[in-house]
Amino acid sequence: LMIINMASLLGNRENASHDARALAHDRISMQVDRITHLLNDVLDYVRGHRVQPTLQHTDYATFIRQLVMNLEKDAELKSAALLCANPPPAIPVALDASRLSRAFCNLAYNAMDAMPDGGRILLRFEVSAHAVITEIEDTGPGLPAEILGRLFEPFATHGKEHGTGLGLSIVKRIIEEHGGRITARNGSGGGAIFSFTL
């Protein structure tokens, strides 16, 4: 909603160019889609509905590049940089692009929220014999010890004034729908690291 508000203000300035207005429109439209999917995910979760993902073999590098491009502008608004530590692997992965994007977005926005004064979100990739491992690391304060063990449980929340405690539970469910698993830990130099397999 903050992004929608900012885009609306920028797009409605008297001196806003046609390109600026078009960009504002696109950003508002993208965020409305995001909110709609988020609400549907929450409703499915609380109703106990299991969504059957539509898995298609997709080039993982292309998927990640598009995702990063979509998230970069939102990261900039929060003075955060979204970077790939190494190139994403150009291999086919069975995934539901829409649902997996939502899991990524949830993790990225959580990282942005954890760094109110800005910071860096780093994506790392590793390929094993049977899986692609993706890590998302931020330069925030890290995960509090008191919540680390129940991070993916429903309604577990910490430090977010308006958090529902469902975001990471939904992320876990989406990763599991893809046959993967997700873990979380703190980095040696601080910051949170979420790691998941596909």
N, C-alpha and C. Protein backbone atom coordinates (compact mmCIF):
# COMPACT_ATOMS: atom_id res chain seq x y z
N LEU A 1 0.83 -1.20 0.00
CA LEU A 1 0.00 0.00 0.00
C LEU A 1 0.87 1.26 0.00
N MET A 2 2.02 1.18 0.71
CA MET A 2 2.93 2.31 0.71
C MET A 2 3.45 2.59 -0.71
N ILE A 3 3.76 1.51 -1.45
CA ILE A 3 4.26 1.66 -2.82
C ILE A 3 3.18 2.25 -3.71
N ILE A 4 1.93 1.79 -3.55
CA ILE A 4 0.81 2.34 -4.32
C ILE A 4 0.67 3.82 -4.02
N ASN A 5 0.74 4.19 -2.74
CA ASN A 5 0.60 5.59 -2.35
C ASN A 5 1.70 6.45 -2.97
N MET A 6 2.95 5.98 -2.89
CA MET A 6 4.06 6.75 -3.44
C MET A 6 3.95 6.89 -4.95
N ALA A 7 3.59 5.78 -5.63
CA ALA A 7 3.44 5.82 -7.09
C ALA A 7 2.32 6.78 -7.48
N SER A 8 1.24 6.77 -6.71
CA SER A 8 0.12 7.67 -6.98
C SER A 8 0.54 9.13 -6.85
N LEU A 9 1.29 9.43 -5.78
CA LEU A 9 1.76 10.81 -5.58
C LEU A 9 2.71 11.25 -6.69
N LEU A 10 3.63 10.36 -7.08
CA LEU A 10 4.59 10.70 -8.14
C LEU A 10 3.90 10.85 -9.49
N GLY A 11 2.96 9.96 -9.78
CA GLY A 11 2.27 10.00 -11.07
C GLY A 11 1.31 11.16 -11.21
N ASN A 12 0.85 11.71 -10.10
CA ASN A 12 -0.13 12.80 -10.15
C ASN A 12 0.48 14.19 -9.97
N ARG A 13 1.80 14.28 -9.91
CA ARG A 13 2.42 15.60 -9.85
C ARG A 13 2.11 16.37 -11.13
N GLU A 14 1.95 17.68 -11.00
CA GLU A 14 1.61 18.50 -12.16
C GLU A 14 2.65 18.40 -13.27
N ASN A 15 3.92 18.31 -12.87
CA ASN A 15 5.00 18.27 -13.87
C ASN A 15 5.40 16.86 -14.26
N ALA A 16 4.62 15.85 -13.87
CA ALA A 16 4.97 14.46 -14.19
C ALA A 16 4.89 14.22 -15.69
N SER A 17 5.91 13.60 -16.24
CA SER A 17 5.94 13.31 -17.67
C SER A 17 5.00 12.14 -17.98
N HIS A 18 4.77 11.95 -19.27
CA HIS A 18 3.94 10.81 -19.69
C HIS A 18 4.57 9.50 -19.23
N ASP A 19 5.90 9.39 -19.37
CA ASP A 19 6.60 8.17 -18.95
C ASP A 19 6.48 7.93 -17.45
N ALA A 20 6.57 9.02 -16.66
CA ALA A 20 6.45 8.90 -15.21
C ALA A 20 5.05 8.44 -14.82
N ARG A 21 4.04 8.95 -15.52
CA ARG A 21 2.66 8.54 -15.24
C ARG A 21 2.44 7.07 -15.62
N ALA A 22 3.03 6.67 -16.77
CA ALA A 22 2.89 5.27 -17.20
C ALA A 22 3.58 4.33 -16.21
N LEU A 23 4.76 4.73 -15.73
CA LEU A 23 5.48 3.92 -14.75
C LEU A 23 4.68 3.80 -13.45
N ALA A 24 4.11 4.93 -13.00
CA ALA A 24 3.30 4.92 -11.78
C ALA A 24 2.10 3.99 -11.95
N HIS A 25 1.46 4.05 -13.12
CA HIS A 25 0.31 3.18 -13.39
C HIS A 25 0.72 1.71 -13.32
N ASP A 26 1.86 1.37 -13.96
CA ASP A 26 2.34 -0.01 -13.96
C ASP A 26 2.64 -0.50 -12.55
N ARG A 27 3.26 0.37 -11.75
CA ARG A 27 3.62 -0.03 -10.39
C ARG A 27 2.38 -0.23 -9.52
N ILE A 28 1.41 0.64 -9.69
CA ILE A 28 0.16 0.50 -8.93
C ILE A 28 -0.54 -0.80 -9.33
N SER A 29 -0.60 -1.06 -10.63
CA SER A 29 -1.25 -2.27 -11.13
C SER A 29 -0.56 -3.52 -10.59
N MET A 30 0.78 -3.52 -10.59
CA MET A 30 1.54 -4.67 -10.10
C MET A 30 1.28 -4.89 -8.61
N GLN A 31 1.20 -3.82 -7.84
CA GLN A 31 0.99 -3.97 -6.40
C GLN A 31 -0.44 -4.40 -6.09
N VAL A 32 -1.41 -3.95 -6.89
CA VAL A 32 -2.79 -4.41 -6.69
C VAL A 32 -2.86 -5.92 -6.94
N ASP A 33 -2.18 -6.39 -8.00
CA ASP A 33 -2.12 -7.84 -8.25
C ASP A 33 -1.49 -8.56 -7.07
N ARG A 34 -0.41 -7.98 -6.54
CA ARG A 34 0.29 -8.60 -5.42
C ARG A 34 -0.62 -8.70 -4.19
N ILE A 35 -1.35 -7.63 -3.88
CA ILE A 35 -2.25 -7.63 -2.73
C ILE A 35 -3.37 -8.67 -2.94
N THR A 36 -3.89 -8.74 -4.17
CA THR A 36 -4.95 -9.71 -4.47
C THR A 36 -4.45 -11.13 -4.22
N HIS A 37 -3.25 -11.45 -4.73
CA HIS A 37 -2.69 -12.79 -4.52
C HIS A 37 -2.43 -13.04 -3.03
N LEU A 38 -1.93 -12.02 -2.35
CA LEU A 38 -1.66 -12.16 -0.92
C LEU A 38 -2.94 -12.49 -0.15
N LEU A 39 -4.01 -11.76 -0.43
CA LEU A 39 -5.28 -12.01 0.26
C LEU A 39 -5.80 -13.41 -0.07
N ASN A 40 -5.67 -13.82 -1.33
CA ASN A 40 -6.11 -15.17 -1.70
C ASN A 40 -5.29 -16.24 -0.99
N ASP A 41 -3.96 -15.99 -0.87
CA ASP A 41 -3.10 -16.94 -0.15
C ASP A 41 -3.53 -17.06 1.31
N VAL A 42 -3.80 -15.92 1.94
CA VAL A 42 -4.22 -15.92 3.35
C VAL A 42 -5.56 -16.65 3.50
N LEU A 43 -6.51 -16.35 2.61
CA LEU A 43 -7.81 -17.02 2.68
C LEU A 43 -7.68 -18.52 2.48
N ASP A 44 -6.87 -18.93 1.49
CA ASP A 44 -6.66 -20.37 1.27
C ASP A 44 -6.04 -21.00 2.50
N TYR A 45 -5.09 -20.29 3.12
CA TYR A 45 -4.39 -20.85 4.28
C TYR A 45 -5.35 -21.05 5.45
N VAL A 46 -6.12 -20.00 5.78
CA VAL A 46 -6.99 -20.11 6.95
C VAL A 46 -8.16 -21.07 6.72
N ARG A 47 -8.53 -21.26 5.45
CA ARG A 47 -9.59 -22.23 5.14
C ARG A 47 -9.06 -23.64 5.04
N GLY A 48 -7.74 -23.77 5.05
CA GLY A 48 -7.13 -25.09 4.96
C GLY A 48 -7.09 -25.65 3.55
N HIS A 49 -7.29 -24.78 2.54
CA HIS A 49 -7.26 -25.23 1.15
C HIS A 49 -5.82 -25.45 0.72
N ARG A 50 -5.58 -26.58 0.09
CA ARG A 50 -4.27 -26.85 -0.51
C ARG A 50 -4.36 -26.54 -1.99
N VAL A 51 -3.52 -25.61 -2.43
CA VAL A 51 -3.50 -25.25 -3.85
C VAL A 51 -2.61 -26.23 -4.58
N GLN A 52 -3.09 -26.71 -5.72
CA GLN A 52 -2.28 -27.60 -6.55
C GLN A 52 -1.53 -26.73 -7.55
N PRO A 53 -0.22 -26.57 -7.38
CA PRO A 53 0.52 -25.70 -8.29
C PRO A 53 0.58 -26.28 -9.70
N THR A 54 0.67 -25.39 -10.67
CA THR A 54 0.84 -25.79 -12.06
C THR A 54 2.33 -25.72 -12.38
N LEU A 55 3.01 -26.85 -12.24
CA LEU A 55 4.45 -26.87 -12.41
C LEU A 55 4.81 -27.01 -13.89
N GLN A 56 5.69 -26.12 -14.34
CA GLN A 56 6.18 -26.18 -15.71
C GLN A 56 7.70 -26.05 -15.68
N HIS A 57 8.37 -26.79 -16.54
CA HIS A 57 9.82 -26.67 -16.60
C HIS A 57 10.17 -25.28 -17.14
N THR A 58 10.88 -24.53 -16.32
CA THR A 58 11.19 -23.13 -16.60
C THR A 58 12.68 -22.90 -16.39
N ASP A 59 13.27 -22.11 -17.26
CA ASP A 59 14.69 -21.77 -17.08
C ASP A 59 14.83 -20.93 -15.81
N TYR A 60 15.56 -21.45 -14.84
CA TYR A 60 15.63 -20.78 -13.53
C TYR A 60 16.31 -19.42 -13.63
N ALA A 61 17.31 -19.30 -14.47
CA ALA A 61 18.02 -18.01 -14.62
C ALA A 61 17.07 -16.94 -15.15
N THR A 62 16.26 -17.29 -16.13
CA THR A 62 15.30 -16.33 -16.70
C THR A 62 14.27 -15.93 -15.65
N PHE A 63 13.77 -16.92 -14.90
CA PHE A 63 12.80 -16.66 -13.84
C PHE A 63 13.38 -15.68 -12.80
N ILE A 64 14.61 -15.94 -12.36
CA ILE A 64 15.23 -15.10 -11.33
C ILE A 64 15.49 -13.69 -11.87
N ARG A 65 16.01 -13.57 -13.08
CA ARG A 65 16.29 -12.23 -13.64
C ARG A 65 15.03 -11.39 -13.71
N GLN A 66 13.91 -11.99 -14.15
CA GLN A 66 12.64 -11.26 -14.23
C GLN A 66 12.18 -10.85 -12.83
N LEU A 67 12.31 -11.75 -11.89
CA LEU A 67 11.91 -11.48 -10.51
C LEU A 67 12.72 -10.33 -9.91
N VAL A 68 14.02 -10.38 -10.09
CA VAL A 68 14.89 -9.32 -9.57
C VAL A 68 14.53 -7.98 -10.20
N MET A 69 14.29 -7.99 -11.50
CA MET A 69 13.93 -6.75 -12.19
C MET A 69 12.63 -6.17 -11.60
N ASN A 70 11.66 -7.03 -11.31
CA ASN A 70 10.39 -6.57 -10.75
C ASN A 70 10.54 -6.04 -9.32
N LEU A 71 11.48 -6.61 -8.56
CA LEU A 71 11.64 -6.22 -7.15
C LEU A 71 12.59 -5.04 -6.94
N GLU A 72 13.45 -4.77 -7.92
CA GLU A 72 14.47 -3.74 -7.75
C GLU A 72 13.88 -2.37 -7.42
N LYS A 73 12.82 -1.98 -8.12
CA LYS A 73 12.24 -0.66 -7.91
C LYS A 73 11.68 -0.52 -6.49
N ASP A 74 11.01 -1.59 -6.01
CA ASP A 74 10.47 -1.55 -4.65
C ASP A 74 11.60 -1.50 -3.62
N ALA A 75 12.68 -2.21 -3.91
CA ALA A 75 13.83 -2.19 -3.01
C ALA A 75 14.42 -0.78 -2.95
N GLU A 76 14.51 -0.12 -4.11
CA GLU A 76 15.06 1.24 -4.15
C GLU A 76 14.25 2.19 -3.27
N LEU A 77 12.92 2.02 -3.27
CA LEU A 77 12.07 2.88 -2.45
C LEU A 77 12.40 2.74 -0.97
N LYS A 78 12.93 1.60 -0.59
CA LYS A 78 13.29 1.36 0.81
C LYS A 78 14.80 1.43 1.02
N SER A 79 15.50 2.07 0.08
CA SER A 79 16.96 2.24 0.14
C SER A 79 17.69 0.92 0.28
N ALA A 80 17.14 -0.11 -0.36
CA ALA A 80 17.77 -1.44 -0.32
C ALA A 80 18.27 -1.80 -1.71
N ALA A 81 19.34 -2.56 -1.76
CA ALA A 81 19.87 -3.07 -3.03
C ALA A 81 19.64 -4.57 -3.09
N LEU A 82 19.14 -5.03 -4.22
CA LEU A 82 18.88 -6.46 -4.43
C LEU A 82 19.91 -6.97 -5.44
N LEU A 83 20.77 -7.88 -5.00
CA LEU A 83 21.91 -8.31 -5.81
C LEU A 83 22.02 -9.82 -5.86
N CYS A 84 22.56 -10.33 -6.97
CA CYS A 84 22.89 -11.75 -7.08
C CYS A 84 24.39 -11.91 -6.82
N ALA A 85 24.74 -12.72 -5.83
CA ALA A 85 26.15 -12.95 -5.50
C ALA A 85 26.83 -13.78 -6.58
N ASN A 86 26.07 -14.64 -7.23
CA ASN A 86 26.58 -15.42 -8.36
C ASN A 86 25.43 -15.58 -9.35
N PRO A 87 25.73 -15.89 -10.61
CA PRO A 87 24.65 -15.99 -11.60
C PRO A 87 23.68 -17.12 -11.27
N PRO A 88 22.39 -16.89 -11.44
CA PRO A 88 21.44 -17.99 -11.25
C PRO A 88 21.67 -19.06 -12.30
N PRO A 89 21.50 -20.33 -11.93
CA PRO A 89 21.78 -21.41 -12.88
C PRO A 89 20.76 -21.46 -14.02
N ALA A 90 21.27 -21.56 -15.23
CA ALA A 90 20.41 -21.63 -16.41
C ALA A 90 20.04 -23.09 -16.67
N ILE A 91 19.21 -23.62 -15.79
CA ILE A 91 18.76 -25.01 -15.91
C ILE A 91 17.24 -25.06 -15.75
N PRO A 92 16.60 -26.06 -16.35
CA PRO A 92 15.14 -26.16 -16.21
C PRO A 92 14.76 -26.65 -14.81
N VAL A 93 13.80 -25.95 -14.20
CA VAL A 93 13.30 -26.32 -12.88
C VAL A 93 11.77 -26.37 -12.98
N ALA A 94 11.17 -27.40 -12.41
CA ALA A 94 9.71 -27.51 -12.40
C ALA A 94 9.15 -26.55 -11.36
N LEU A 95 8.46 -25.50 -11.82
CA LEU A 95 7.94 -24.52 -10.88
C LEU A 95 6.66 -23.88 -11.40
N ASP A 96 5.90 -23.35 -10.46
CA ASP A 96 4.73 -22.53 -10.75
C ASP A 96 5.19 -21.10 -10.57
N ALA A 97 5.46 -20.41 -11.66
CA ALA A 97 6.11 -19.09 -11.61
C ALA A 97 5.33 -18.09 -10.75
N SER A 98 4.02 -18.10 -10.86
CA SER A 98 3.21 -17.15 -10.10
C SER A 98 3.33 -17.40 -8.59
N ARG A 99 3.18 -18.65 -8.18
CA ARG A 99 3.22 -18.95 -6.74
C ARG A 99 4.64 -18.81 -6.18
N LEU A 100 5.63 -19.27 -6.92
CA LEU A 100 7.00 -19.15 -6.42
C LEU A 100 7.43 -17.69 -6.35
N SER A 101 6.96 -16.87 -7.27
CA SER A 101 7.25 -15.43 -7.21
C SER A 101 6.71 -14.82 -5.92
N ARG A 102 5.54 -15.28 -5.51
CA ARG A 102 4.95 -14.76 -4.28
C ARG A 102 5.79 -15.13 -3.07
N ALA A 103 6.33 -16.34 -3.06
CA ALA A 103 7.20 -16.74 -1.95
C ALA A 103 8.45 -15.86 -1.92
N PHE A 104 9.07 -15.67 -3.08
CA PHE A 104 10.24 -14.80 -3.18
C PHE A 104 9.92 -13.39 -2.69
N CYS A 105 8.80 -12.85 -3.17
CA CYS A 105 8.41 -11.48 -2.80
C CYS A 105 8.23 -11.36 -1.30
N ASN A 106 7.58 -12.34 -0.70
CA ASN A 106 7.38 -12.32 0.75
C ASN A 106 8.71 -12.25 1.48
N LEU A 107 9.66 -13.10 1.08
CA LEU A 107 10.97 -13.10 1.72
C LEU A 107 11.71 -11.78 1.48
N ALA A 108 11.62 -11.26 0.26
CA ALA A 108 12.30 -10.00 -0.07
C ALA A 108 11.70 -8.83 0.71
N TYR A 109 10.38 -8.76 0.79
CA TYR A 109 9.74 -7.66 1.51
C TYR A 109 9.99 -7.76 3.01
N ASN A 110 10.05 -8.98 3.54
CA ASN A 110 10.42 -9.14 4.95
C ASN A 110 11.82 -8.61 5.19
N ALA A 111 12.73 -8.91 4.26
CA ALA A 111 14.11 -8.41 4.40
C ALA A 111 14.13 -6.89 4.35
N MET A 112 13.36 -6.30 3.45
CA MET A 112 13.30 -4.82 3.37
C MET A 112 12.75 -4.23 4.66
N ASP A 113 11.72 -4.86 5.21
CA ASP A 113 11.13 -4.39 6.46
C ASP A 113 12.13 -4.47 7.62
N ALA A 114 13.01 -5.47 7.56
CA ALA A 114 14.01 -5.65 8.63
C ALA A 114 15.15 -4.63 8.53
N MET A 115 15.18 -3.89 7.43
CA MET A 115 16.26 -2.91 7.21
C MET A 115 15.65 -1.53 6.93
N PRO A 116 15.01 -0.92 7.93
CA PRO A 116 14.31 0.36 7.69
C PRO A 116 15.23 1.49 7.22
N ASP A 117 16.51 1.39 7.53
CA ASP A 117 17.45 2.42 7.09
C ASP A 117 18.20 2.01 5.83
N GLY A 118 17.72 0.98 5.16
CA GLY A 118 18.35 0.50 3.94
C GLY A 118 19.32 -0.62 4.22
N GLY A 119 19.77 -1.26 3.17
CA GLY A 119 20.71 -2.37 3.31
C GLY A 119 20.81 -3.13 2.01
N ARG A 120 21.19 -4.39 2.13
CA ARG A 120 21.44 -5.20 0.94
C ARG A 120 20.76 -6.56 1.09
N ILE A 121 20.16 -7.02 0.01
CA ILE A 121 19.58 -8.36 -0.06
C ILE A 121 20.38 -9.12 -1.12
N LEU A 122 20.97 -10.21 -0.71
CA LEU A 122 21.87 -10.96 -1.57
C LEU A 122 21.26 -12.32 -1.90
N LEU A 123 21.21 -12.65 -3.18
CA LEU A 123 20.74 -13.96 -3.62
C LEU A 123 21.94 -14.81 -4.01
N ARG A 124 21.97 -16.05 -3.51
CA ARG A 124 23.05 -16.98 -3.85
C ARG A 124 22.43 -18.27 -4.36
N PHE A 125 23.13 -18.93 -5.26
CA PHE A 125 22.59 -20.13 -5.88
C PHE A 125 23.64 -21.24 -5.88
N GLU A 126 23.14 -22.45 -5.71
CA GLU A 126 24.01 -23.63 -5.76
C GLU A 126 23.21 -24.76 -6.38
N VAL A 127 23.87 -25.57 -7.18
CA VAL A 127 23.19 -26.71 -7.82
C VAL A 127 23.82 -27.99 -7.29
N SER A 128 22.96 -28.86 -6.75
CA SER A 128 23.42 -30.18 -6.32
C SER A 128 22.95 -31.20 -7.35
N ALA A 129 23.17 -32.47 -7.08
CA ALA A 129 22.78 -33.51 -8.04
C ALA A 129 21.27 -33.54 -8.27
N HIS A 130 20.48 -33.15 -7.26
CA HIS A 130 19.03 -33.30 -7.37
C HIS A 130 18.25 -32.01 -7.12
N ALA A 131 18.92 -30.92 -6.84
CA ALA A 131 18.16 -29.72 -6.46
C ALA A 131 18.93 -28.44 -6.77
N VAL A 132 18.17 -27.37 -6.85
CA VAL A 132 18.73 -26.02 -6.88
C VAL A 132 18.52 -25.44 -5.49
N ILE A 133 19.57 -24.92 -4.90
CA ILE A 133 19.49 -24.31 -3.58
C ILE A 133 19.60 -22.80 -3.76
N THR A 134 18.64 -22.08 -3.21
CA THR A 134 18.64 -20.62 -3.30
C THR A 134 18.70 -20.06 -1.89
N GLU A 135 19.60 -19.11 -1.67
CA GLU A 135 19.70 -18.43 -0.38
C GLU A 135 19.39 -16.95 -0.57
N ILE A 136 18.62 -16.42 0.38
CA ILE A 136 18.31 -14.99 0.40
C ILE A 136 18.82 -14.45 1.73
N GLU A 137 19.82 -13.60 1.66
CA GLU A 137 20.46 -13.07 2.87
C GLU A 137 20.28 -11.55 2.91
N ASP A 138 20.00 -11.02 4.10
CA ASP A 138 19.89 -9.57 4.24
C ASP A 138 20.93 -9.05 5.23
N THR A 139 21.08 -7.75 5.28
CA THR A 139 22.04 -7.13 6.20
C THR A 139 21.32 -6.49 7.39
N GLY A 140 20.15 -7.03 7.72
CA GLY A 140 19.40 -6.54 8.87
C GLY A 140 19.94 -7.08 10.17
N PRO A 141 19.16 -6.96 11.25
CA PRO A 141 19.63 -7.38 12.58
C PRO A 141 19.62 -8.88 12.82
N GLY A 142 19.07 -9.64 11.91
CA GLY A 142 18.99 -11.10 12.10
C GLY A 142 17.69 -11.51 12.75
N LEU A 143 17.53 -12.80 12.92
CA LEU A 143 16.32 -13.37 13.48
C LEU A 143 16.47 -13.53 14.99
N PRO A 144 15.51 -13.03 15.77
CA PRO A 144 15.61 -13.16 17.23
C PRO A 144 15.58 -14.62 17.66
N ALA A 145 16.40 -14.96 18.63
CA ALA A 145 16.51 -16.35 19.11
C ALA A 145 15.16 -16.88 19.59
N GLU A 146 14.33 -16.01 20.19
CA GLU A 146 13.08 -16.48 20.78
C GLU A 146 12.05 -16.92 19.74
N ILE A 147 12.24 -16.55 18.46
CA ILE A 147 11.27 -16.95 17.44
C ILE A 147 11.86 -17.90 16.40
N LEU A 148 13.17 -18.06 16.41
CA LEU A 148 13.85 -18.84 15.37
C LEU A 148 13.31 -20.26 15.24
N GLY A 149 13.01 -20.90 16.35
CA GLY A 149 12.54 -22.29 16.31
C GLY A 149 11.12 -22.46 15.82
N ARG A 150 10.33 -21.39 15.83
CA ARG A 150 8.93 -21.50 15.40
C ARG A 150 8.58 -20.51 14.29
N LEU A 151 9.60 -20.11 13.56
CA LEU A 151 9.47 -19.08 12.53
C LEU A 151 8.40 -19.39 11.49
N PHE A 152 8.28 -20.65 11.10
CA PHE A 152 7.36 -21.02 10.02
C PHE A 152 6.00 -21.49 10.54
N GLU A 153 5.78 -21.38 11.86
CA GLU A 153 4.49 -21.75 12.42
C GLU A 153 3.47 -20.64 12.16
N PRO A 154 2.20 -21.01 11.97
CA PRO A 154 1.17 -19.97 11.77
C PRO A 154 1.09 -19.02 12.96
N PHE A 155 0.95 -17.75 12.65
CA PHE A 155 0.75 -16.67 13.62
C PHE A 155 1.98 -16.37 14.48
N ALA A 156 3.13 -16.92 14.11
CA ALA A 156 4.37 -16.55 14.79
C ALA A 156 4.87 -15.26 14.16
N THR A 157 4.99 -14.22 14.93
CA THR A 157 5.45 -12.94 14.41
C THR A 157 6.29 -12.25 15.46
N HIS A 158 7.18 -11.39 15.00
CA HIS A 158 8.05 -10.68 15.94
C HIS A 158 8.48 -9.36 15.31
N GLY A 159 8.26 -8.27 16.04
CA GLY A 159 8.79 -6.98 15.63
C GLY A 159 8.07 -6.29 14.49
N LYS A 160 6.98 -6.87 13.98
CA LYS A 160 6.23 -6.21 12.91
C LYS A 160 4.91 -5.74 13.50
N GLU A 161 4.73 -4.44 13.49
CA GLU A 161 3.55 -3.85 14.12
C GLU A 161 2.26 -4.36 13.51
N HIS A 162 2.26 -4.57 12.18
CA HIS A 162 1.03 -4.98 11.51
C HIS A 162 1.14 -6.36 10.89
N GLY A 163 2.10 -7.17 11.32
CA GLY A 163 2.27 -8.51 10.75
C GLY A 163 1.18 -9.46 11.21
N THR A 164 0.83 -10.41 10.33
CA THR A 164 -0.21 -11.40 10.68
C THR A 164 0.42 -12.68 11.22
N GLY A 165 1.70 -12.90 10.92
CA GLY A 165 2.33 -14.15 11.32
C GLY A 165 2.02 -15.29 10.37
N LEU A 166 1.44 -14.97 9.20
CA LEU A 166 1.11 -16.02 8.23
C LEU A 166 2.05 -16.03 7.04
N GLY A 167 2.78 -14.96 6.82
CA GLY A 167 3.61 -14.83 5.62
C GLY A 167 4.59 -15.98 5.44
N LEU A 168 5.37 -16.29 6.46
CA LEU A 168 6.37 -17.35 6.33
C LEU A 168 5.74 -18.74 6.31
N SER A 169 4.59 -18.89 6.95
CA SER A 169 3.86 -20.17 6.86
C SER A 169 3.42 -20.42 5.42
N ILE A 170 2.97 -19.35 4.75
CA ILE A 170 2.55 -19.46 3.35
C ILE A 170 3.76 -19.73 2.46
N VAL A 171 4.87 -19.06 2.73
CA VAL A 171 6.10 -19.30 1.97
C VAL A 171 6.50 -20.78 2.09
N LYS A 172 6.47 -21.31 3.31
CA LYS A 172 6.82 -22.72 3.54
C LYS A 172 5.90 -23.63 2.74
N ARG A 173 4.62 -23.33 2.75
CA ARG A 173 3.66 -24.16 2.02
C ARG A 173 3.95 -24.13 0.52
N ILE A 174 4.26 -22.95 -0.01
CA ILE A 174 4.54 -22.83 -1.45
C ILE A 174 5.79 -23.63 -1.82
N ILE A 175 6.83 -23.52 -0.99
CA ILE A 175 8.06 -24.28 -1.27
C ILE A 175 7.78 -25.78 -1.20
N GLU A 176 7.00 -26.21 -0.23
CA GLU A 176 6.66 -27.63 -0.10
C GLU A 176 5.80 -28.10 -1.27
N GLU A 177 4.93 -27.23 -1.79
CA GLU A 177 4.15 -27.58 -2.99
C GLU A 177 5.07 -27.90 -4.17
N HIS A 178 6.26 -27.31 -4.15
CA HIS A 178 7.24 -27.54 -5.21
C HIS A 178 8.17 -28.72 -4.89
N GLY A 179 7.86 -29.45 -3.84
CA GLY A 179 8.68 -30.59 -3.45
C GLY A 179 9.96 -30.20 -2.75
N GLY A 180 10.05 -28.95 -2.31
CA GLY A 180 11.27 -28.48 -1.65
C GLY A 180 11.09 -28.28 -0.17
N ARG A 181 12.11 -27.73 0.45
CA ARG A 181 12.03 -27.40 1.88
C ARG A 181 12.77 -26.09 2.11
N ILE A 182 12.41 -25.42 3.20
CA ILE A 182 13.00 -24.12 3.51
C ILE A 182 13.50 -24.11 4.95
N THR A 183 14.62 -23.46 5.17
CA THR A 183 15.18 -23.30 6.52
C THR A 183 15.60 -21.84 6.69
N ALA A 184 15.84 -21.46 7.94
CA ALA A 184 16.29 -20.10 8.23
C ALA A 184 17.36 -20.14 9.30
N ARG A 185 18.30 -19.22 9.20
CA ARG A 185 19.36 -19.10 10.21
C ARG A 185 19.89 -17.68 10.17
N ASN A 186 20.72 -17.36 11.14
CA ASN A 186 21.40 -16.07 11.14
C ASN A 186 22.80 -16.23 10.55
N GLY A 187 23.23 -15.24 9.80
CA GLY A 187 24.57 -15.25 9.24
C GLY A 187 25.61 -14.98 10.30
N SER A 188 26.85 -15.36 10.04
CA SER A 188 27.92 -15.17 11.03
C SER A 188 28.17 -13.69 11.30
N GLY A 189 27.91 -12.86 10.30
CA GLY A 189 28.13 -11.41 10.48
C GLY A 189 26.84 -10.67 10.75
N GLY A 190 25.78 -11.36 11.15
CA GLY A 190 24.49 -10.72 11.35
C GLY A 190 23.63 -10.87 10.11
N GLY A 191 22.37 -10.53 10.21
CA GLY A 191 21.45 -10.67 9.09
C GLY A 191 20.84 -12.06 9.05
N ALA A 192 19.69 -12.13 8.41
CA ALA A 192 18.96 -13.41 8.29
C ALA A 192 19.29 -14.06 6.96
N ILE A 193 19.30 -15.39 6.94
CA ILE A 193 19.50 -16.15 5.71
C ILE A 193 18.39 -17.18 5.61
N PHE A 194 17.61 -17.09 4.54
CA PHE A 194 16.60 -18.09 4.23
C PHE A 194 17.13 -18.93 3.08
N SER A 195 17.07 -20.24 3.24
CA SER A 195 17.60 -21.16 2.23
C SER A 195 16.52 -22.16 1.87
N PHE A 196 16.28 -22.31 0.56
CA PHE A 196 15.29 -23.30 0.16
C PHE A 196 15.76 -24.08 -1.06
N THR A 197 15.26 -25.29 -1.16
CA THR A 197 15.60 -26.18 -2.27
C THR A 197 14.39 -26.31 -3.20
N LEU A 198 14.68 -26.52 -4.45
CA LEU A 198 13.65 -26.83 -5.45
C LEU A 198 14.16 -28.02 -6.23
